Structure formats: structure tokens, C-alpha cells
Amino acid sequence: MARRGFIILLCLTCVCSFSHPAVPKDKTKKKLITVFKNTVAAYGGLAVLLRQTGKLRGLIKLYTGTDHPREGDITIRFIRRLKVPEDLTRLDLKLPTAPTLTIAYDGKRIWGAEDGNPIVLYLRSEAAFKADLIHNYEAFLRSQEFGAQLEYIGEEKRSGIRLHVVDMTHADGSKTRFYISAKTWRILHLEFDFTDPAQQETVHVRESFYDFRVVQQTLVPFRVVRYENDQRVQEIRFTDVAFNVQIDKAIFQPGGSSSATSP
């Protein structure tokens, strides 16, 4: 059940596209530079954003179509490298009456385990996790490291909030669309697509961010809500966020999973 829950954990949704007024190229470039610089500054600046390690713990709800969501604990750990594709990421998900599910990227491949025992991940779970490695709000802030191109699309309003809309084209050709508050310069939503290889279907993803707090000079959203096909499927409320913490690189390797399943 944990693995099935994790499929929902990673597969999300997007909202319908909007038309935006055309903006002259010179003005578009200036606007993009302004939006990028102000957004990076709002999150603490590049110096603090490029920290090497981080650990986030929180509570997760998985909405599986039943009357009540499944609730559990989630821990995310990462180590950043000079090259983004070599970043290390590990996620541990613990649901009641289910084994602790681990899914991680060791800089070369994605692997999974249950209570430290190796498992073969569902194709959808692996594809979703792989997409999550590059389609996240920090990707906008680290766009140069990602080797990505940014394009200013225009402005729109959602719930009365004026938003700047920016598209990011990644090195692999995939795209992420960011919605940034014109008032606070916070990334409030992002959207992207990925393919479910098992069904050969496109999964539409939307992620929304709330409850922003400053942790060690870095702006962090403590509540993250994710959707699939306009249906809420996941909500995370972080309770503990820390950067520049000591993390053993071995936990990102399959052989190190059994000794590091506890947060």
C-alpha cells in the first residue's frame, strides 16, 4: 500500500492554460530580468540558496478517493553538487500499518526500498520522482545551474492576485511554468507535465505553495498542495526545516537504506 500511496504522492496536476497579451521582445527581456532578480532576492539570494545540504520533515496527507486521507510522516534530505544532475535526493515516507517507503536518486539512478529492503518501483512512481528532480520551485532560482532557458510570458490574475508567468525550458526539452506574485515575488504555483510510461499517458501537474517562513535566511513554503487532473491528491505541512546539516552520503546509496530509514 505504501508504494501505491507513493504513486499518488508523486503524480500531480495542472490548471488550464491562459492566453497572455503579447509583450515586445526588449520589454520582455527587461521584465524577465526584473522578475528573476527580485524573486531570487525574496528567497534569500543565491549565496544562501546554493547551500550544500538540507533536511525537511513534516506531515503528509494522501487523498486516494476515500472519505478520509491517509496520513503519515515524510522526510526529505538532499546534498547539492556542482552539477545539478549529480544532486543527491532521498525521500522517506512512513504511513501507519505500512512499511517505510524510501525512494532516492544517487546521482546516477533512482532506486526504492521498503524498510530497507530493495524493491522495484512502479514505472509511474519512478517517472514522477525523476520529473520532480527538475520540476520544482528551486529550479527557477537555480536556472543557470540547470542549464535552462527562461521566457517571460505575461501577467494574469488569480483570486485577485497579480502574477508574473514565466516558462522554464529544461536541458531535456521539458518545461515548467511558474506563477510569481507581483507583490511579494514568491512562487505561488508551478505546473508541468510528465509521461506515465506504464499507460503512455501525460500526467498534468500543479503544485501550490503557502505558509512561507524564513529559515536560516531562506524563504521556505511550509505548506505544499499538489493536484492531479484538478483533484487534490497530496498535502505536506513541514514541521522542521534545516540547512547545512550533516548528512552521510551513504544514505543515498541502496546499500545505505537500512541504516537510515528513521528520520
C-alpha atoms as a PDB file:
ATOM      1  CA  MET A   1       0.000   0.000   0.000  1.00  0.00           C
ATOM      2  CA  ALA A   2       2.850   2.391   0.705  1.00  0.00           C
ATOM      3  CA  ARG A   3       4.109   2.070  -2.847  1.00  0.00           C
ATOM      4  CA  ARG A   4       0.627   2.663  -4.218  1.00  0.00           C
ATOM      5  CA  GLY A   5       0.256   5.699  -1.992  1.00  0.00           C
ATOM      6  CA  PHE A   6       3.560   6.966  -3.237  1.00  0.00           C
ATOM      7  CA  ILE A   7       2.326   6.823  -6.829  1.00  0.00           C
ATOM      8  CA  ILE A   8      -0.286   9.359  -5.783  1.00  0.00           C
ATOM      9  CA  LEU A   9       2.333  11.255  -3.824  1.00  0.00           C
ATOM     10  CA  LEU A  10       4.328  11.935  -6.963  1.00  0.00           C
ATOM     11  CA  CYS A  11       1.715  12.259  -9.731  1.00  0.00           C
ATOM     12  CA  LEU A  12       0.023  15.625  -9.869  1.00  0.00           C
ATOM     13  CA  THR A  13      -1.997  18.118 -12.000  1.00  0.00           C
ATOM     14  CA  CYS A  14      -2.067  21.405 -13.865  1.00  0.00           C
ATOM     15  CA  VAL A  15      -4.741  24.016 -14.439  1.00  0.00           C
ATOM     16  CA  CYS A  16      -5.890  25.049 -17.880  1.00  0.00           C
ATOM     17  CA  SER A  17      -3.652  27.345 -19.891  1.00  0.00           C
ATOM     18  CA  PHE A  18      -4.347  31.047 -20.226  1.00  0.00           C
ATOM     19  CA  SER A  19      -3.776  33.477 -23.058  1.00  0.00           C
ATOM     20  CA  HIS A  20      -1.435  36.356 -22.311  1.00  0.00           C
ATOM     21  CA  PRO A  21      -1.009  39.702 -24.051  1.00  0.00           C
ATOM     22  CA  ALA A  22       1.986  39.949 -26.360  1.00  0.00           C
ATOM     23  CA  VAL A  23       4.947  41.897 -24.978  1.00  0.00           C
ATOM     24  CA  PRO A  24       7.679  43.439 -27.157  1.00  0.00           C
ATOM     25  CA  LYS A  25      10.903  41.434 -27.001  1.00  0.00           C
ATOM     26  CA  ASP A  26      13.017  44.200 -25.450  1.00  0.00           C
ATOM     27  CA  LYS A  27      10.435  44.845 -22.745  1.00  0.00           C
ATOM     28  CA  THR A  28      10.018  41.111 -22.215  1.00  0.00           C
ATOM     29  CA  LYS A  29      13.743  40.683 -21.581  1.00  0.00           C
ATOM     30  CA  LYS A  30      13.831  43.564 -19.114  1.00  0.00           C
ATOM     31  CA  LYS A  31      10.744  42.260 -17.353  1.00  0.00           C
ATOM     32  CA  LEU A  32      12.239  38.765 -17.102  1.00  0.00           C
ATOM     33  CA  ILE A  33      15.460  40.116 -15.582  1.00  0.00           C
ATOM     34  CA  THR A  34      13.465  42.134 -13.050  1.00  0.00           C
ATOM     35  CA  VAL A  35      11.251  39.199 -12.091  1.00  0.00           C
ATOM     36  CA  PHE A  36      14.198  36.813 -11.786  1.00  0.00           C
ATOM     37  CA  LYS A  37      16.361  39.143  -9.679  1.00  0.00           C
ATOM     38  CA  ASN A  38      13.522  40.113  -7.345  1.00  0.00           C
ATOM     39  CA  THR A  39      12.398  36.518  -6.886  1.00  0.00           C
ATOM     40  CA  VAL A  40      15.903  35.272  -6.092  1.00  0.00           C
ATOM     41  CA  ALA A  41      16.310  38.133  -3.605  1.00  0.00           C
ATOM     42  CA  ALA A  42      12.963  37.307  -1.965  1.00  0.00           C
ATOM     43  CA  TYR A  43      14.143  33.746  -1.307  1.00  0.00           C
ATOM     44  CA  GLY A  44      17.380  34.924   0.301  1.00  0.00           C
ATOM     45  CA  GLY A  45      19.782  35.419  -2.609  1.00  0.00           C
ATOM     46  CA  LEU A  46      21.956  32.954  -4.489  1.00  0.00           C
ATOM     47  CA  ALA A  47      24.541  32.740  -1.711  1.00  0.00           C
ATOM     48  CA  VAL A  48      22.102  31.066   0.690  1.00  0.00           C
ATOM     49  CA  LEU A  49      20.160  29.193  -1.989  1.00  0.00           C
ATOM     50  CA  LEU A  50      23.248  27.265  -3.038  1.00  0.00           C
ATOM     51  CA  ARG A  51      23.662  25.556   0.336  1.00  0.00           C
ATOM     52  CA  GLN A  52      25.036  22.074   0.042  1.00  0.00           C
ATOM     53  CA  THR A  53      22.707  20.108   2.332  1.00  0.00           C
ATOM     54  CA  GLY A  54      19.166  20.202   3.672  1.00  0.00           C
ATOM     55  CA  LYS A  55      16.657  18.173   5.683  1.00  0.00           C
ATOM     56  CA  LEU A  56      12.888  18.692   5.748  1.00  0.00           C
ATOM     57  CA  ARG A  57      10.443  16.785   7.959  1.00  0.00           C
ATOM     58  CA  GLY A  58       6.688  17.057   8.055  1.00  0.00           C
ATOM     59  CA  LEU A  59       3.223  15.541   7.968  1.00  0.00           C
ATOM     60  CA  ILE A  60       1.685  14.287   4.751  1.00  0.00           C
ATOM     61  CA  LYS A  61      -1.889  13.605   3.668  1.00  0.00           C
ATOM     62  CA  LEU A  62      -2.622  11.419   0.642  1.00  0.00           C
ATOM     63  CA  TYR A  63      -6.061  11.783  -0.909  1.00  0.00           C
ATOM     64  CA  THR A  64      -6.872   8.450  -2.529  1.00  0.00           C
ATOM     65  CA  GLY A  65     -10.564   8.926  -3.285  1.00  0.00           C
ATOM     66  CA  THR A  66     -11.765   7.536   0.046  1.00  0.00           C
ATOM     67  CA  ASP A  67     -13.659   9.515   2.678  1.00  0.00           C
ATOM     68  CA  HIS A  68     -10.535  10.137   4.717  1.00  0.00           C
ATOM     69  CA  PRO A  69      -6.981  10.824   3.521  1.00  0.00           C
ATOM     70  CA  ARG A  70      -4.115   8.589   4.558  1.00  0.00           C
ATOM     71  CA  GLU A  71      -1.789  10.455   6.913  1.00  0.00           C
ATOM     72  CA  GLY A  72       1.843   9.863   7.761  1.00  0.00           C
ATOM     73  CA  ASP A  73       5.323  11.301   8.139  1.00  0.00           C
ATOM     74  CA  ILE A  74       7.666  12.441   5.395  1.00  0.00           C
ATOM     75  CA  THR A  75      11.389  13.234   5.478  1.00  0.00           C
ATOM     76  CA  ILE A  76      13.322  14.733   2.567  1.00  0.00           C
ATOM     77  CA  ARG A  77      17.110  15.007   2.526  1.00  0.00           C
ATOM     78  CA  PHE A  78      19.412  16.340  -0.151  1.00  0.00           C
ATOM     79  CA  ILE A  79      23.031  17.113  -0.977  1.00  0.00           C
ATOM     80  CA  ARG A  80      23.739  19.534  -3.805  1.00  0.00           C
ATOM     81  CA  ARG A  81      26.649  19.011  -6.179  1.00  0.00           C
ATOM     82  CA  LEU A  82      28.416  21.366  -8.588  1.00  0.00           C
ATOM     83  CA  LYS A  83      26.352  19.875 -11.418  1.00  0.00           C
ATOM     84  CA  VAL A  84      22.595  19.710 -10.868  1.00  0.00           C
ATOM     85  CA  PRO A  85      22.192  16.249 -12.481  1.00  0.00           C
ATOM     86  CA  GLU A  86      24.524  14.936  -9.772  1.00  0.00           C
ATOM     87  CA  ASP A  87      22.460  16.311  -6.858  1.00  0.00           C
ATOM     88  CA  LEU A  88      21.549  13.645  -4.297  1.00  0.00           C
ATOM     89  CA  THR A  89      17.955  13.359  -3.069  1.00  0.00           C
ATOM     90  CA  ARG A  90      16.211  10.970  -0.700  1.00  0.00           C
ATOM     91  CA  LEU A  91      12.592  10.793   0.445  1.00  0.00           C
ATOM     92  CA  ASP A  92      11.259   8.576   3.245  1.00  0.00           C
ATOM     93  CA  LEU A  93       7.506   8.082   3.635  1.00  0.00           C
ATOM     94  CA  LYS A  94       6.003   6.388   6.693  1.00  0.00           C
ATOM     95  CA  LEU A  95       2.298   5.576   6.761  1.00  0.00           C
ATOM     96  CA  PRO A  96       0.566   3.694   9.615  1.00  0.00           C
ATOM     97  CA  THR A  97       0.468  -0.104   9.174  1.00  0.00           C
ATOM     98  CA  ALA A  98       2.740   0.127   6.135  1.00  0.00           C
ATOM     99  CA  PRO A  99       6.488  -0.318   5.647  1.00  0.00           C
ATOM    100  CA  THR A 100       8.627   2.799   5.400  1.00  0.00           C
ATOM    101  CA  LEU A 101       8.991   3.603   1.721  1.00  0.00           C
ATOM    102  CA  THR A 102      12.281   5.078   0.513  1.00  0.00           C
ATOM    103  CA  ILE A 103      12.832   6.499  -2.941  1.00  0.00           C
ATOM    104  CA  ALA A 104      16.124   8.179  -3.778  1.00  0.00           C
ATOM    105  CA  TYR A 105      18.422   9.441  -6.506  1.00  0.00           C
ATOM    106  CA  ASP A 106      22.123   8.675  -6.033  1.00  0.00           C
ATOM    107  CA  GLY A 107      23.390  10.971  -8.789  1.00  0.00           C
ATOM    108  CA  LYS A 108      23.086   8.278 -11.453  1.00  0.00           C
ATOM    109  CA  ARG A 109      19.895   6.314 -10.920  1.00  0.00           C
ATOM    110  CA  ILE A 110      16.656   6.155  -8.955  1.00  0.00           C
ATOM    111  CA  TRP A 111      16.104   3.315  -6.503  1.00  0.00           C
ATOM    112  CA  GLY A 112      13.495   2.275  -3.949  1.00  0.00           C
ATOM    113  CA  ALA A 113      13.233   0.276  -0.726  1.00  0.00           C
ATOM    114  CA  GLU A 114      10.668  -0.790   1.866  1.00  0.00           C
ATOM    115  CA  ASP A 115      12.016  -0.955   5.419  1.00  0.00           C
ATOM    116  CA  GLY A 116      15.496  -1.017   3.872  1.00  0.00           C
ATOM    117  CA  ASN A 117      14.774  -3.929   1.549  1.00  0.00           C
ATOM    118  CA  PRO A 118      15.236  -3.195  -2.184  1.00  0.00           C
ATOM    119  CA  ILE A 119      12.081  -3.056  -4.299  1.00  0.00           C
ATOM    120  CA  VAL A 120      11.278  -2.484  -7.952  1.00  0.00           C
ATOM    121  CA  LEU A 121       9.442   0.815  -8.204  1.00  0.00           C
ATOM    122  CA  TYR A 122       6.304   1.184 -10.261  1.00  0.00           C
ATOM    123  CA  LEU A 123       7.173   2.789 -13.605  1.00  0.00           C
ATOM    124  CA  ARG A 124       4.824   5.670 -12.839  1.00  0.00           C
ATOM    125  CA  SER A 125       6.432   6.312  -9.442  1.00  0.00           C
ATOM    126  CA  GLU A 126       9.923   6.320 -10.909  1.00  0.00           C
ATOM    127  CA  ALA A 127       8.938   8.634 -13.771  1.00  0.00           C
ATOM    128  CA  ALA A 128       7.189  11.017 -11.370  1.00  0.00           C
ATOM    129  CA  PHE A 129      10.145  11.153  -8.990  1.00  0.00           C
ATOM    130  CA  LYS A 130      12.518  11.752 -11.896  1.00  0.00           C
ATOM    131  CA  ALA A 131      10.339  14.631 -13.096  1.00  0.00           C
ATOM    132  CA  ASP A 132      10.224  16.076  -9.585  1.00  0.00           C
ATOM    133  CA  LEU A 133      14.013  16.311  -9.522  1.00  0.00           C
ATOM    134  CA  ILE A 134      13.919  19.157 -12.055  1.00  0.00           C
ATOM    135  CA  HIS A 135      10.332  20.435 -11.934  1.00  0.00           C
ATOM    136  CA  ASN A 136      10.366  22.227  -8.570  1.00  0.00           C
ATOM    137  CA  TYR A 137      10.310  25.816  -7.360  1.00  0.00           C
ATOM    138  CA  GLU A 138      14.059  25.878  -6.680  1.00  0.00           C
ATOM    139  CA  ALA A 139      14.680  25.096 -10.355  1.00  0.00           C
ATOM    140  CA  PHE A 140      13.619  28.654 -11.198  1.00  0.00           C
ATOM    141  CA  LEU A 141      16.032  30.083  -8.648  1.00  0.00           C
ATOM    142  CA  ARG A 142      18.854  27.800  -9.889  1.00  0.00           C
ATOM    143  CA  SER A 143      18.030  28.065 -13.589  1.00  0.00           C
ATOM    144  CA  GLN A 144      21.640  28.783 -14.574  1.00  0.00           C
ATOM    145  CA  GLU A 145      22.830  25.645 -12.781  1.00  0.00           C
ATOM    146  CA  PHE A 146      20.092  23.687 -14.524  1.00  0.00           C
ATOM    147  CA  GLY A 147      21.265  24.952 -17.906  1.00  0.00           C
ATOM    148  CA  ALA A 148      17.686  26.079 -18.541  1.00  0.00           C
ATOM    149  CA  GLN A 149      16.156  28.937 -20.505  1.00  0.00           C
ATOM    150  CA  LEU A 150      13.583  31.315 -19.024  1.00  0.00           C
ATOM    151  CA  GLU A 151      10.870  33.067 -21.027  1.00  0.00           C
ATOM    152  CA  TYR A 152       8.569  35.780 -19.711  1.00  0.00           C
ATOM    153  CA  ILE A 153       5.002  35.007 -20.822  1.00  0.00           C
ATOM    154  CA  GLY A 154       2.998  37.850 -19.297  1.00  0.00           C
ATOM    155  CA  GLU A 155       0.726  38.676 -16.381  1.00  0.00           C
ATOM    156  CA  GLU A 156      -2.560  37.274 -15.105  1.00  0.00           C
ATOM    157  CA  LYS A 157      -4.728  37.413 -12.001  1.00  0.00           C
ATOM    158  CA  ARG A 158      -5.808  34.508  -9.827  1.00  0.00           C
ATOM    159  CA  SER A 159      -8.067  35.094  -6.849  1.00  0.00           C
ATOM    160  CA  GLY A 160      -7.329  38.793  -7.209  1.00  0.00           C
ATOM    161  CA  ILE A 161      -3.550  38.270  -7.013  1.00  0.00           C
ATOM    162  CA  ARG A 162      -1.467  39.708  -9.849  1.00  0.00           C
ATOM    163  CA  LEU A 163       1.026  37.126 -11.088  1.00  0.00           C
ATOM    164  CA  HIS A 164       4.025  37.101 -13.400  1.00  0.00           C
ATOM    165  CA  VAL A 165       4.048  33.999 -15.601  1.00  0.00           C
ATOM    166  CA  VAL A 166       7.432  32.564 -16.608  1.00  0.00           C
ATOM    167  CA  ASP A 167       8.193  29.424 -18.603  1.00  0.00           C
ATOM    168  CA  MET A 168      11.366  27.445 -17.988  1.00  0.00           C
ATOM    169  CA  THR A 169      12.691  25.130 -20.712  1.00  0.00           C
ATOM    170  CA  HIS A 170      14.979  22.484 -19.250  1.00  0.00           C
ATOM    171  CA  ALA A 171      18.009  20.908 -20.880  1.00  0.00           C
ATOM    172  CA  ASP A 172      15.913  17.837 -21.770  1.00  0.00           C
ATOM    173  CA  GLY A 173      13.314  19.987 -23.554  1.00  0.00           C
ATOM    174  CA  SER A 174      10.625  19.681 -20.880  1.00  0.00           C
ATOM    175  CA  LYS A 175       9.007  22.794 -19.428  1.00  0.00           C
ATOM    176  CA  THR A 176       7.883  24.174 -16.087  1.00  0.00           C
ATOM    177  CA  ARG A 177       5.553  27.154 -15.811  1.00  0.00           C
ATOM    178  CA  PHE A 178       5.924  29.379 -12.736  1.00  0.00           C
ATOM    179  CA  TYR A 179       3.373  31.818 -11.312  1.00  0.00           C
ATOM    180  CA  ILE A 180       5.110  34.502  -9.244  1.00  0.00           C
ATOM    181  CA  SER A 181       3.410  37.115  -7.073  1.00  0.00           C
ATOM    182  CA  ALA A 182       3.959  40.624  -8.438  1.00  0.00           C
ATOM    183  CA  LYS A 183       3.727  41.928  -4.871  1.00  0.00           C
ATOM    184  CA  THR A 184       5.840  39.551  -2.785  1.00  0.00           C
ATOM    185  CA  TRP A 185       7.923  37.855  -5.541  1.00  0.00           C
ATOM    186  CA  ARG A 186       7.053  34.468  -4.086  1.00  0.00           C
ATOM    187  CA  ILE A 187       6.482  31.478  -6.368  1.00  0.00           C
ATOM    188  CA  LEU A 188       2.853  30.623  -5.615  1.00  0.00           C
ATOM    189  CA  HIS A 189       2.228  27.895  -8.195  1.00  0.00           C
ATOM    190  CA  LEU A 190       4.066  25.794 -10.740  1.00  0.00           C
ATOM    191  CA  GLU A 191       2.887  23.459 -13.484  1.00  0.00           C
ATOM    192  CA  PHE A 192       4.494  20.759 -15.593  1.00  0.00           C
ATOM    193  CA  ASP A 193       3.754  17.544 -17.477  1.00  0.00           C
ATOM    194  CA  PHE A 194       5.414  14.152 -17.487  1.00  0.00           C
ATOM    195  CA  THR A 195       4.624  10.850 -19.174  1.00  0.00           C
ATOM    196  CA  ASP A 196       3.409   7.788 -17.307  1.00  0.00           C
ATOM    197  CA  PRO A 197       5.378   5.073 -19.154  1.00  0.00           C
ATOM    198  CA  ALA A 198       3.068   2.314 -17.966  1.00  0.00           C
ATOM    199  CA  GLN A 199      -0.045   3.860 -19.520  1.00  0.00           C
ATOM    200  CA  GLN A 200       1.671   6.060 -22.122  1.00  0.00           C
ATOM    201  CA  GLU A 201      -0.386   8.959 -20.825  1.00  0.00           C
ATOM    202  CA  THR A 202       0.565  12.527 -19.991  1.00  0.00           C
ATOM    203  CA  VAL A 203       0.206  13.451 -16.326  1.00  0.00           C
ATOM    204  CA  HIS A 204      -0.663  17.103 -15.723  1.00  0.00           C
ATOM    205  CA  VAL A 205       0.832  18.548 -12.571  1.00  0.00           C
ATOM    206  CA  ARG A 206       0.135  21.579 -10.418  1.00  0.00           C
ATOM    207  CA  GLU A 207       1.845  22.435  -7.148  1.00  0.00           C
ATOM    208  CA  SER A 208       0.810  25.370  -4.925  1.00  0.00           C
ATOM    209  CA  PHE A 209       2.794  26.900  -2.063  1.00  0.00           C
ATOM    210  CA  TYR A 210       1.590  28.509   1.176  1.00  0.00           C
ATOM    211  CA  ASP A 211       2.678  29.497   4.693  1.00  0.00           C
ATOM    212  CA  PHE A 212       6.056  30.996   3.764  1.00  0.00           C
ATOM    213  CA  ARG A 213       8.611  31.299   6.567  1.00  0.00           C
ATOM    214  CA  VAL A 214      12.248  32.331   6.757  1.00  0.00           C
ATOM    215  CA  VAL A 215      14.648  29.566   7.826  1.00  0.00           C
ATOM    216  CA  GLN A 216      18.339  30.420   8.087  1.00  0.00           C
ATOM    217  CA  GLN A 217      17.834  33.452   5.811  1.00  0.00           C
ATOM    218  CA  THR A 218      15.993  31.349   3.224  1.00  0.00           C
ATOM    219  CA  LEU A 219      12.302  31.681   2.345  1.00  0.00           C
ATOM    220  CA  VAL A 220      10.592  28.280   2.568  1.00  0.00           C
ATOM    221  CA  PRO A 221       6.959  27.284   1.871  1.00  0.00           C
ATOM    222  CA  PHE A 222       5.850  25.182   4.850  1.00  0.00           C
ATOM    223  CA  ARG A 223       2.640  24.004   3.185  1.00  0.00           C
ATOM    224  CA  VAL A 224       2.626  22.419  -0.273  1.00  0.00           C
ATOM    225  CA  VAL A 225      -0.536  21.188  -2.006  1.00  0.00           C
ATOM    226  CA  ARG A 226      -0.424  19.049  -5.134  1.00  0.00           C
ATOM    227  CA  TYR A 227      -3.132  18.072  -7.606  1.00  0.00           C
ATOM    228  CA  GLU A 228      -3.780  15.551 -10.372  1.00  0.00           C
ATOM    229  CA  ASN A 229      -6.387  16.294 -13.028  1.00  0.00           C
ATOM    230  CA  ASP A 230      -7.699  19.122 -10.845  1.00  0.00           C
ATOM    231  CA  GLN A 231      -8.107  16.703  -7.932  1.00  0.00           C
ATOM    232  CA  ARG A 232      -6.164  17.301  -4.741  1.00  0.00           C
ATOM    233  CA  VAL A 233      -4.034  14.237  -4.091  1.00  0.00           C
ATOM    234  CA  GLN A 234      -1.433  15.378  -1.577  1.00  0.00           C
ATOM    235  CA  GLU A 235      -0.706  17.968   1.086  1.00  0.00           C
ATOM    236  CA  ILE A 236       2.527  18.357   3.035  1.00  0.00           C
ATOM    237  CA  ARG A 237       2.926  20.533   6.118  1.00  0.00           C
ATOM    238  CA  PHE A 238       6.571  20.796   7.066  1.00  0.00           C
ATOM    239  CA  THR A 239       7.310  20.973  10.777  1.00  0.00           C
ATOM    240  CA  ASP A 240      11.114  21.092  10.738  1.00  0.00           C
ATOM    241  CA  VAL A 241      13.405  22.542   8.056  1.00  0.00           C
ATOM    242  CA  ALA A 242      17.186  22.848   8.388  1.00  0.00           C
ATOM    243  CA  PHE A 243      20.047  23.621   6.009  1.00  0.00           C
ATOM    244  CA  ASN A 244      23.781  22.987   6.224  1.00  0.00           C
ATOM    245  CA  VAL A 245      23.180  19.883   8.323  1.00  0.00           C
ATOM    246  CA  GLN A 246      25.478  16.877   8.428  1.00  0.00           C
ATOM    247  CA  ILE A 247      24.214  14.165   6.079  1.00  0.00           C
ATOM    248  CA  ASP A 248      26.005  10.905   5.372  1.00  0.00           C
ATOM    249  CA  LYS A 249      26.350  10.418   1.603  1.00  0.00           C
ATOM    250  CA  ALA A 250      25.885   6.678   2.127  1.00  0.00           C
ATOM    251  CA  ILE A 251      22.136   7.088   2.716  1.00  0.00           C
ATOM    252  CA  PHE A 252      21.687   7.977  -0.937  1.00  0.00           C
ATOM    253  CA  GLN A 253      23.088   4.603  -1.994  1.00  0.00           C
ATOM    254  CA  PRO A 254      20.885   1.468  -1.977  1.00  0.00           C
ATOM    255  CA  GLY A 255      23.239  -0.220   0.497  1.00  0.00           C
ATOM    256  CA  GLY A 256      22.775   2.612   2.983  1.00  0.00           C
ATOM    257  CA  SER A 257      18.995   2.463   3.078  1.00  0.00           C
ATOM    258  CA  SER A 258      18.505   0.093   6.006  1.00  0.00           C
ATOM    259  CA  SER A 259      20.558   2.199   8.394  1.00  0.00           C
ATOM    260  CA  ALA A 260      18.847   5.463   7.567  1.00  0.00           C
ATOM    261  CA  THR A 261      15.125   4.841   7.422  1.00  0.00           C
ATOM    262  CA  SER A 262      14.460   6.621  10.691  1.00  0.00           C
ATOM    263  CA  PRO A 263      14.295  10.414  10.344  1.00  0.00           C
END
